Protein backbone atom coordinates (compact mmCIF):
# COMPACT_ATOMS: atom_id res chain seq x y z
CA MET A 1 0.00 0.00 0.00
CA SER A 2 2.84 2.40 0.72
CA GLN A 3 4.19 1.74 -2.77
CA ASN A 4 1.03 3.18 -4.29
CA TYR A 5 1.51 6.42 -2.38
CA LEU A 6 5.13 6.54 -3.48
CA VAL A 7 4.18 6.20 -7.14
CA PHE A 8 1.57 8.95 -6.77
CA MET A 9 4.08 11.31 -5.20
CA ASN A 10 6.57 10.82 -8.05
CA MET A 11 4.04 11.47 -10.81
CA ASP A 12 3.75 14.87 -12.39
CA TRP A 13 0.07 15.01 -11.54
CA GLY A 14 -0.31 18.74 -12.27
CA THR A 15 0.13 18.31 -16.02
CA ASN A 16 -2.01 15.18 -15.97
CA VAL A 17 -4.85 17.04 -14.27
CA LYS A 18 -4.58 19.92 -16.76
CA SER A 19 -4.76 17.59 -19.76
CA TRP A 20 -7.69 15.72 -18.20
CA ILE A 21 -9.62 18.95 -17.58
CA LEU A 22 -8.93 20.16 -21.13
CA SER A 23 -10.15 16.87 -22.61
CA GLN A 24 -13.33 17.04 -20.50
CA ALA A 25 -13.93 20.68 -21.46
CA SER A 26 -13.51 19.79 -25.12
CA ALA A 27 -16.10 17.03 -24.85
CA LEU A 28 -18.50 19.35 -23.00
CA ALA A 29 -18.09 22.08 -25.64
CA ILE A 30 -18.84 19.64 -28.45
CA ALA A 31 -21.86 18.28 -26.58
CA ALA A 32 -23.17 21.81 -25.99
CA VAL A 33 -22.88 22.70 -29.67
CA VAL A 34 -24.65 19.50 -30.71
CA ILE A 35 -27.46 20.08 -28.19
CA ILE A 36 -27.95 23.62 -29.51
CA LEU A 37 -27.89 22.43 -33.14
CA ILE A 38 -30.56 19.73 -32.80
CA PRO A 39 -33.54 22.12 -32.38
CA LEU A 40 -32.19 24.37 -35.11
CA ILE A 41 -32.07 21.43 -37.52
CA LEU A 42 -35.58 20.32 -36.58
CA LYS A 43 -36.97 23.85 -37.01
CA ARG A 44 -35.03 24.27 -40.27
CA GLN A 45 -33.47 27.53 -39.18
CA TRP A 46 -30.53 27.33 -41.53
CA SER A 47 -29.09 30.81 -40.95
CA ASN A 48 -29.05 30.30 -37.18
CA LEU A 49 -27.56 26.84 -37.75
CA ILE A 50 -24.67 28.23 -39.80
CA GLY A 51 -24.00 30.99 -37.26
CA THR A 52 -24.04 28.52 -34.40
CA LEU A 53 -21.66 26.21 -36.26
CA ILE A 54 -19.20 29.05 -36.85
CA VAL A 55 -19.32 30.32 -33.26
CA GLY A 56 -19.18 26.75 -31.93
CA ALA A 57 -16.16 25.92 -34.08
CA ILE A 58 -14.34 29.00 -32.80
CA ALA A 59 -15.24 28.17 -29.19
CA ILE A 60 -14.10 24.56 -29.55
CA TYR A 61 -10.84 25.73 -31.13
CA PHE A 62 -10.12 28.02 -28.18
CA VAL A 63 -11.05 25.29 -25.68
CA ASN A 64 -8.56 22.95 -27.34
CA ASN A 65 -5.87 25.66 -27.76
CA PRO A 66 -6.13 28.07 -24.81
CA ASP A 67 -2.64 29.49 -25.44
CA THR A 68 -3.85 30.92 -28.75
CA LEU A 69 -6.50 32.96 -26.96
CA LEU A 70 -3.84 34.27 -24.60
CA ASP A 71 -1.65 35.30 -27.55
CA ILE A 72 -4.56 37.12 -29.19
CA GLY A 73 -5.32 38.94 -25.94
CA ARG A 74 -1.69 40.01 -25.60
CA GLY A 75 -1.68 41.26 -29.19
CA ILE A 76 -4.81 43.34 -28.63
CA TYR A 77 -3.39 44.71 -25.39
CA ASP A 78 -0.15 45.68 -27.15
CA LEU A 79 -2.11 47.46 -29.90
CA ILE A 80 -4.12 49.40 -27.34
CA THR A 81 -1.18 50.34 -25.15
CA LYS A 82 1.06 51.37 -28.06
CA GLY A 83 -1.67 53.64 -29.35
CA ALA A 84 -1.91 55.35 -25.94
CA ARG A 85 1.81 56.12 -25.69
């Protein structure tokens, strides 16, 4: 039993938890988009369907690549602060 605790202490559990949370968030984002799309398909609201697909694709991209969103935010901040100087 003490060996199990020893193995747990040696693991880099912080990165494992981060990857697990990101994989769960990705699955939840995809499920949310699908749940929103089902009534739009049944009601034949094609323009709303296309808009939801585009926004959903962007949201899923940022859930899977959170560093990209951080880079975009830094770029916008640099544009704003350089303009104020």
